[in-house]
Amino acid sequence: MSSRTGEDGSVTQPPRAEQPLLQVEGLRTHFSTEHGVVKAVDGVDFTIERGGILGMVGESGSGKSVTGLSILRLLDPRNSTIAGDRVLFDGEDLLTKSDKEMRAIRGRRISMVFQNAMTALDPFFRVGDQLVEIIQLHQRLGRREARAKALEALELVRIPEAGRRLSSYPHQLSGGQRQRVMIALALACGPDLLIADEPTTALDATVQKQIIDLLLDVNRELGTAILMVTHDFGVVARMCRTVAVMYAGRIVEAGDVRTVLERPEHPYTLGLMRAVPRVRSGVRRKSDRLYQIMGAPPVRAADAEGCAFAPRCPEAAPHCSTEEPPRVEFGNGHAVLCHERVASEEAGRVSA
């Protein structure tokens, strides 16, 4: 966002309302292991507008969850390093905040729905007590007022018999109810940004749809922006406006959802979409095999070179394994990191 020049010639910053809610620039997260330094997140850039929904999609091990944890600085500093140019939230750089300042932001301004509700909820405390603790921590209310807000939070996520569920322990709830409690915990203090880490994993199809519809309602009614971490392109198509495809700690393709899903350009995105099972008419034959991307996502070492997807890529050329892939822009925010797309673009310009 460019600055402005006032009538007196002074340079002023644009109004905060015009800035993206979250602007991540060059985020890097490295882990120290017995086998060396691992680049879990390696130079990630993306933005989320106020009230926007960004889907972050990729295989397990791509760095999606670590990206969310890095934004909130929830990783153990004893074996991890979070760096980067800037992580601007509402115009303020989270990387420069003290631990005390981050504790005030977590849960109040930015909340996270963790991947496994059963392990994220404390089994020794009732649901109501866990909600009340968060509300009292951030809003400094008395216990009676906090309990009333806890009830409102459960009613917001449409848990049946919400008053009764306040006295339930996590193990007394179904998987879908626990997931709703996790969302209620995240929304209890009215955050501006919700990081949802695989909130539909391990739920049946009916409950998955209910959770997605609930998050969409929260986005529409409360204006809460959402970073949706998922491996499911169906979820991305259903609820997201923009999408970032991650592989080996990098965003290899990004753009608005319709463009990326209808005209994917990166070989990895193409492979992920081809691997989605499709319902076809007629009798299924044994020869009709599901498509799979050969191999597995790599553990990216600090001294790794070239394109991380090259060993699995059907279009890889020799230089893909030794040279860093360039960023190719297709217009309207659609971009990929790929050597072969550069060659295709240059060939197109020559033929034209």
Protein backbone atom coordinates (compact mmCIF):
# COMPACT_ATOMS: atom_id res chain seq x y z
CA MET A 1 0.00 0.00 0.00
CA SER A 2 1.57 3.28 -1.08
CA SER A 3 1.80 6.31 1.17
CA ARG A 4 0.08 9.61 0.46
CA THR A 5 1.30 13.21 0.32
CA GLY A 6 -0.76 15.69 2.34
CA GLU A 7 -1.56 19.27 1.42
CA ASP A 8 1.42 20.48 3.44
CA GLY A 9 3.74 18.16 1.54
CA SER A 10 4.12 15.67 4.38
CA VAL A 11 3.98 11.95 3.68
CA THR A 12 1.19 10.14 5.50
CA GLN A 13 0.31 6.47 5.77
CA PRO A 14 -2.99 5.29 4.23
CA PRO A 15 -5.93 4.80 6.61
CA ARG A 16 -5.76 1.48 8.44
CA ALA A 17 -9.12 0.42 6.98
CA GLU A 18 -7.55 0.34 3.51
CA GLN A 19 -4.79 -2.05 4.57
CA PRO A 20 -5.19 -5.84 4.51
CA LEU A 21 -5.98 -7.31 7.90
CA LEU A 22 -3.02 -9.69 7.65
CA GLN A 23 0.00 -9.23 5.42
CA VAL A 24 2.70 -11.90 5.62
CA GLU A 25 5.99 -11.13 3.90
CA GLY A 26 8.88 -13.58 3.63
CA LEU A 27 7.87 -15.73 6.61
CA ARG A 28 10.46 -18.38 7.44
CA THR A 29 10.26 -21.02 10.17
CA HIS A 30 13.20 -23.36 10.71
CA PHE A 31 13.50 -26.28 13.13
CA SER A 32 16.75 -27.53 14.60
CA THR A 33 16.91 -31.34 14.56
CA GLU A 34 19.57 -33.99 15.12
CA HIS A 35 19.84 -34.25 11.33
CA GLY A 36 20.30 -30.51 10.78
CA VAL A 37 18.11 -27.49 10.16
CA VAL A 38 14.74 -28.13 8.49
CA LYS A 39 12.98 -25.36 6.55
CA ALA A 40 9.33 -25.98 7.47
CA VAL A 41 8.24 -22.59 6.11
CA ASP A 42 10.52 -21.05 3.52
CA GLY A 43 9.71 -17.51 2.43
CA VAL A 44 5.90 -17.38 2.45
CA ASP A 45 3.98 -14.30 1.27
CA PHE A 46 0.21 -13.81 1.39
CA THR A 47 -2.47 -11.37 2.47
CA ILE A 48 -5.94 -11.71 3.97
CA GLU A 49 -8.36 -8.85 3.51
CA ARG A 50 -10.72 -7.75 6.28
CA GLY A 51 -13.59 -10.22 6.25
CA GLY A 52 -11.81 -12.37 3.65
CA ILE A 53 -11.35 -16.14 3.55
CA LEU A 54 -8.04 -17.59 2.33
CA GLY A 55 -7.70 -21.33 1.82
CA MET A 56 -4.23 -22.82 2.37
CA VAL A 57 -4.13 -26.26 0.79
CA GLY A 58 -1.53 -29.00 0.33
CA GLU A 59 -0.46 -32.46 1.48
CA SER A 60 0.43 -33.21 5.08
CA GLY A 61 3.93 -31.90 5.75
CA SER A 62 3.62 -28.96 3.37
CA GLY A 63 3.97 -26.38 6.15
CA LYS A 64 0.35 -25.21 6.40
CA SER A 65 -0.16 -25.75 10.13
CA VAL A 66 3.31 -24.43 10.97
CA THR A 67 2.45 -21.25 9.07
CA GLY A 68 -0.59 -20.70 11.30
CA LEU A 69 1.37 -21.47 14.47
CA SER A 70 4.15 -19.15 13.34
CA ILE A 71 1.76 -16.23 12.88
CA LEU A 72 0.66 -16.67 16.51
CA ARG A 73 4.23 -17.52 17.61
CA LEU A 74 3.09 -20.69 19.34
CA LEU A 75 6.17 -22.78 18.50
CA ASP A 76 8.77 -23.80 21.08
CA PRO A 77 11.67 -21.32 20.76
CA ARG A 78 14.10 -23.95 22.04
CA ASN A 79 14.13 -25.78 18.71
CA SER A 80 12.44 -23.38 16.28
CA THR A 81 13.26 -20.03 14.75
CA ILE A 82 10.58 -17.75 13.32
CA ALA A 83 11.93 -15.02 11.07
CA GLY A 84 10.81 -13.11 8.04
CA ASP A 85 10.49 -9.61 6.71
CA ARG A 86 7.15 -8.73 8.34
CA VAL A 87 3.93 -10.28 9.63
CA LEU A 88 1.64 -7.26 9.68
CA PHE A 89 -1.63 -7.65 11.55
CA ASP A 90 -3.83 -4.57 11.44
CA GLY A 91 -0.72 -2.59 10.53
CA GLU A 92 1.45 -3.88 13.39
CA ASP A 93 4.35 -6.31 12.98
CA LEU A 94 3.76 -9.41 15.11
CA LEU A 95 7.41 -10.42 14.80
CA THR A 96 8.44 -7.41 16.89
CA LYS A 97 5.91 -8.01 19.69
CA SER A 98 6.99 -9.14 23.14
CA ASP A 99 5.63 -12.37 24.64
CA LYS A 100 3.32 -10.31 26.86
CA GLU A 101 1.96 -8.38 23.88
CA MET A 102 1.38 -11.62 21.94
CA ARG A 103 -0.55 -13.13 24.85
CA ALA A 104 -2.90 -10.15 24.66
CA ILE A 105 -3.41 -10.70 20.92
CA ARG A 106 -3.91 -14.48 21.02
CA GLY A 107 -7.53 -15.36 21.64
CA ARG A 108 -8.59 -11.70 21.64
CA ARG A 109 -7.59 -10.43 18.18
CA ILE A 110 -6.43 -13.68 16.51
CA SER A 111 -7.79 -17.10 17.47
CA MET A 112 -6.99 -20.60 16.27
CA VAL A 113 -9.11 -23.72 15.93
CA PHE A 114 -6.63 -26.55 16.43
CA GLN A 115 -6.63 -29.70 14.36
CA ASN A 116 -7.66 -32.29 16.95
CA ALA A 117 -10.45 -31.09 19.23
CA MET A 118 -10.11 -34.07 21.60
CA THR A 119 -6.49 -33.26 22.42
CA ALA A 120 -6.88 -29.46 22.23
CA LEU A 121 -9.60 -29.41 24.90
CA ASP A 122 -8.51 -30.08 28.50
CA PRO A 123 -10.15 -33.38 29.55
CA PHE A 124 -10.03 -32.44 33.26
CA PHE A 125 -12.19 -29.31 32.98
CA ARG A 126 -15.79 -28.80 32.01
CA VAL A 127 -16.52 -27.03 28.73
CA GLY A 128 -18.02 -24.04 30.55
CA ASP A 129 -14.98 -23.60 32.78
CA GLN A 130 -12.65 -23.56 29.76
CA LEU A 131 -14.78 -20.92 28.03
CA VAL A 132 -15.08 -18.81 31.19
CA GLU A 133 -11.31 -18.86 31.71
CA ILE A 134 -10.65 -17.44 28.24
CA ILE A 135 -13.35 -14.79 28.54
CA GLN A 136 -12.18 -13.65 31.97
CA LEU A 137 -8.57 -13.53 30.81
CA HIS A 138 -9.25 -11.19 27.90
CA GLN A 139 -12.34 -9.26 28.98
CA ARG A 140 -11.88 -9.02 32.77
CA LEU A 141 -15.47 -9.91 33.58
CA GLY A 142 -16.87 -11.43 36.74
CA ARG A 143 -17.61 -15.13 36.71
CA ARG A 144 -21.37 -14.67 36.30
CA GLU A 145 -20.98 -12.32 33.32
CA ALA A 146 -18.30 -14.55 31.80
CA ARG A 147 -20.54 -17.61 32.12
CA ALA A 148 -23.36 -15.74 30.36
CA LYS A 149 -20.95 -14.93 27.50
CA ALA A 150 -19.83 -18.58 27.43
CA LEU A 151 -23.43 -19.62 26.95
CA GLU A 152 -23.77 -17.08 24.12
CA ALA A 153 -20.67 -18.55 22.46
CA LEU A 154 -22.11 -22.09 22.54
CA GLU A 155 -25.43 -20.81 21.21
CA LEU A 156 -23.55 -19.01 18.42
CA VAL A 157 -22.09 -22.30 17.20
CA ARG A 158 -25.52 -23.94 17.51
CA ILE A 159 -24.79 -26.62 20.09
CA PRO A 160 -28.07 -28.23 21.21
CA GLU A 161 -28.92 -27.69 24.87
CA ALA A 162 -26.11 -25.19 25.21
CA GLY A 163 -26.81 -24.50 28.90
CA ARG A 164 -26.49 -28.17 29.72
CA ARG A 165 -23.31 -28.56 27.67
CA LEU A 166 -21.55 -25.95 29.77
CA SER A 167 -21.35 -28.59 32.50
CA SER A 168 -20.14 -31.38 30.19
CA TYR A 169 -16.62 -32.73 29.95
CA PRO A 170 -15.08 -33.06 26.44
CA HIS A 171 -15.34 -36.87 26.44
CA GLN A 172 -19.11 -36.57 26.94
CA LEU A 173 -19.53 -34.78 23.60
CA SER A 174 -19.60 -36.16 20.06
CA GLY A 175 -16.83 -35.32 17.60
CA GLY A 176 -18.96 -32.67 15.91
CA GLN A 177 -19.91 -31.09 19.25
CA ARG A 178 -16.27 -30.96 20.36
CA GLN A 179 -15.37 -29.22 17.12
CA ARG A 180 -18.14 -26.68 17.73
CA VAL A 181 -16.81 -26.11 21.26
CA MET A 182 -13.36 -25.44 19.77
CA ILE A 183 -14.89 -22.87 17.42
CA ALA A 184 -16.82 -21.35 20.34
CA LEU A 185 -13.57 -21.04 22.33
CA ALA A 186 -11.94 -19.32 19.36
CA LEU A 187 -14.86 -16.91 18.83
CA ALA A 188 -15.65 -16.16 22.48
CA CYS A 189 -13.76 -12.85 22.48
CA GLY A 190 -14.78 -11.71 19.01
CA PRO A 191 -11.46 -12.00 17.12
CA ASP A 192 -10.77 -10.23 13.83
CA LEU A 193 -8.97 -13.29 12.39
CA LEU A 194 -9.69 -16.99 12.85
CA ILE A 195 -7.04 -19.55 11.87
CA ALA A 196 -8.90 -22.83 11.30
CA ASP A 197 -6.48 -25.76 11.15
CA GLU A 198 -8.22 -28.69 9.44
CA PRO A 199 -11.50 -28.12 11.34
CA THR A 200 -13.36 -30.79 9.33
CA THR A 201 -10.78 -33.60 9.63
CA ALA A 202 -12.08 -36.93 11.01
CA LEU A 203 -15.71 -35.79 10.79
CA ASP A 204 -18.33 -37.49 8.66
CA ALA A 205 -19.62 -35.73 5.55
CA THR A 206 -22.80 -34.39 7.16
CA VAL A 207 -20.96 -32.86 10.13
CA GLN A 208 -18.26 -31.48 7.81
CA LYS A 209 -20.91 -29.57 5.88
CA GLN A 210 -22.40 -28.24 9.12
CA ILE A 211 -18.99 -26.97 10.30
CA ILE A 212 -18.30 -25.30 6.94
CA ASP A 213 -21.73 -23.66 6.94
CA LEU A 214 -21.12 -22.49 10.52
CA LEU A 215 -17.79 -20.87 9.60
CA LEU A 216 -19.39 -19.17 6.59
CA ASP A 217 -22.14 -17.80 8.83
CA VAL A 218 -19.54 -16.51 11.29
CA ASN A 219 -17.72 -14.80 8.42
CA ARG A 220 -20.90 -13.19 7.08
CA GLU A 221 -22.52 -12.21 10.38
CA LEU A 222 -19.46 -11.18 12.42
CA GLY A 223 -17.09 -10.15 9.62
CA THR A 224 -14.40 -12.48 10.98
CA ALA A 225 -11.61 -13.11 8.47
CA ILE A 226 -10.56 -16.78 8.15
CA LEU A 227 -7.35 -18.56 7.24
CA MET A 228 -8.65 -22.03 6.32
CA VAL A 229 -5.93 -24.68 6.51
CA THR A 230 -7.04 -27.82 4.69
CA HIS A 231 -6.05 -30.61 2.32
CA ASP A 232 -9.52 -30.72 0.75
CA PHE A 233 -10.13 -28.82 -2.49
CA GLY A 234 -13.85 -29.37 -1.94
CA VAL A 235 -13.66 -27.25 1.23
CA VAL A 236 -11.69 -24.59 -0.66
CA ALA A 237 -14.27 -24.45 -3.45
CA ARG A 238 -17.14 -24.29 -0.98
CA MET A 239 -15.99 -21.51 1.33
CA CYS A 240 -12.79 -19.72 0.23
CA ARG A 241 -12.35 -16.66 -1.97
CA THR A 242 -8.62 -16.94 -2.54
CA VAL A 243 -6.34 -19.97 -2.31
CA ALA A 244 -2.64 -20.61 -1.68
CA VAL A 245 -1.23 -24.02 -2.62
CA MET A 246 1.70 -25.00 -0.36
CA TYR A 247 4.45 -27.49 -0.99
CA ALA A 248 7.63 -28.02 1.07
CA GLY A 249 7.20 -24.77 2.93
CA ARG A 250 6.50 -22.57 -0.08
CA ILE A 251 3.39 -21.25 -1.77
CA VAL A 252 3.78 -22.66 -5.28
CA GLU A 253 0.51 -21.29 -6.68
CA ALA A 254 -1.92 -18.63 -5.51
CA GLY A 255 -4.89 -16.71 -6.83
CA ASP A 256 -8.63 -16.39 -6.59
CA VAL A 257 -10.36 -19.75 -6.10
CA ARG A 258 -12.23 -19.87 -9.39
CA THR A 259 -9.14 -19.10 -11.47
CA VAL A 260 -6.90 -21.63 -9.72
CA LEU A 261 -9.50 -24.41 -9.75
CA GLU A 262 -10.50 -23.86 -13.37
CA ARG A 263 -7.02 -23.08 -14.76
CA PRO A 264 -4.36 -24.56 -12.46
CA GLU A 265 -0.85 -23.91 -13.73
CA HIS A 266 1.60 -25.56 -11.32
CA PRO A 267 2.18 -29.32 -11.86
CA TYR A 268 1.64 -29.89 -8.13
CA THR A 269 -1.76 -28.18 -8.16
CA LEU A 270 -2.68 -30.19 -11.25
CA GLY A 271 -1.65 -33.40 -9.48
CA LEU A 272 -3.65 -32.60 -6.35
CA MET A 273 -6.77 -31.90 -8.38
CA ARG A 274 -6.38 -35.03 -10.48
CA ALA A 275 -6.12 -37.07 -7.26
CA VAL A 276 -9.60 -35.99 -6.14
CA PRO A 277 -12.00 -38.93 -6.72
CA ARG A 278 -14.79 -38.13 -9.15
CA VAL A 279 -18.20 -39.75 -9.40
CA ARG A 280 -18.81 -41.00 -12.91
CA SER A 281 -21.79 -42.73 -14.48
CA GLY A 282 -21.45 -46.34 -15.56
CA VAL A 283 -19.74 -49.38 -14.11
CA ARG A 284 -16.36 -48.91 -12.50
CA ARG A 285 -13.66 -51.16 -13.95
CA LYS A 286 -10.63 -52.55 -12.14
CA SER A 287 -8.43 -50.69 -14.61
CA ASP A 288 -9.90 -47.35 -13.47
CA ARG A 289 -7.20 -46.47 -10.94
CA LEU A 290 -7.23 -43.33 -8.83
CA TYR A 291 -4.49 -40.88 -9.81
CA GLN A 292 -1.67 -40.38 -7.32
CA ILE A 293 1.37 -38.15 -7.17
CA MET A 294 4.32 -40.51 -6.92
CA GLY A 295 6.64 -40.19 -3.93
CA ALA A 296 6.13 -38.16 -0.76
CA PRO A 297 6.67 -34.54 0.32
CA PRO A 298 10.33 -33.94 1.23
CA VAL A 299 11.83 -32.74 4.47
CA ARG A 300 13.44 -29.56 3.16
CA ALA A 301 16.99 -29.11 4.49
CA ALA A 302 18.52 -25.66 4.94
CA ASP A 303 21.02 -26.22 2.11
CA ALA A 304 18.50 -27.68 -0.36
CA GLU A 305 18.59 -26.27 -3.89
CA GLY A 306 16.20 -26.05 -6.80
CA CYS A 307 12.49 -26.79 -6.93
CA ALA A 308 11.38 -29.07 -4.10
CA PHE A 309 8.74 -30.67 -6.33
CA ALA A 310 11.22 -31.59 -9.08
CA PRO A 311 11.75 -35.25 -7.95
CA ARG A 312 7.98 -35.89 -8.24
CA CYS A 313 7.19 -33.60 -11.18
CA PRO A 314 6.26 -35.18 -14.55
CA GLU A 315 7.40 -32.00 -16.34
CA ALA A 316 10.74 -31.50 -14.56
CA ALA A 317 13.80 -30.53 -16.59
CA PRO A 318 17.43 -30.98 -15.42
CA HIS A 319 17.77 -27.36 -14.24
CA CYS A 320 14.68 -27.70 -12.02
CA SER A 321 16.73 -29.64 -9.46
CA THR A 322 19.54 -27.07 -9.24
CA GLU A 323 17.95 -23.63 -9.82
CA GLU A 324 15.36 -21.86 -7.69
CA PRO A 325 12.02 -21.65 -9.51
CA PRO A 326 11.00 -18.13 -10.59
CA ARG A 327 7.65 -16.51 -9.88
CA VAL A 328 5.39 -16.34 -12.93
CA GLU A 329 2.47 -13.88 -12.96
CA PHE A 330 -0.65 -14.61 -15.01
CA GLY A 331 -2.59 -11.50 -14.04
CA ASN A 332 -5.41 -10.86 -11.56
CA GLY A 333 -3.23 -12.07 -8.68
CA HIS A 334 -2.70 -15.55 -10.16
CA ALA A 335 0.96 -16.61 -9.78
CA VAL A 336 3.08 -19.79 -9.68
CA LEU A 337 6.66 -20.78 -8.84
CA CYS A 338 7.73 -22.90 -11.82
CA HIS A 339 10.57 -23.09 -14.36
CA GLU A 340 8.42 -24.74 -17.00
CA ARG A 341 5.74 -22.05 -16.85
CA VAL A 342 8.42 -19.45 -17.61
CA ALA A 343 9.37 -21.47 -20.70
CA SER A 344 5.71 -21.73 -21.73
CA GLU A 345 5.17 -17.98 -21.32
CA GLU A 346 8.30 -17.17 -23.36
CA ALA A 347 7.27 -19.63 -26.09
CA GLY A 348 3.84 -18.01 -26.23
CA ARG A 349 5.32 -14.53 -26.66
CA VAL A 350 7.64 -15.73 -29.44
CA SER A 351 4.82 -17.43 -31.37
CA ALA A 352 2.62 -14.35 -30.96
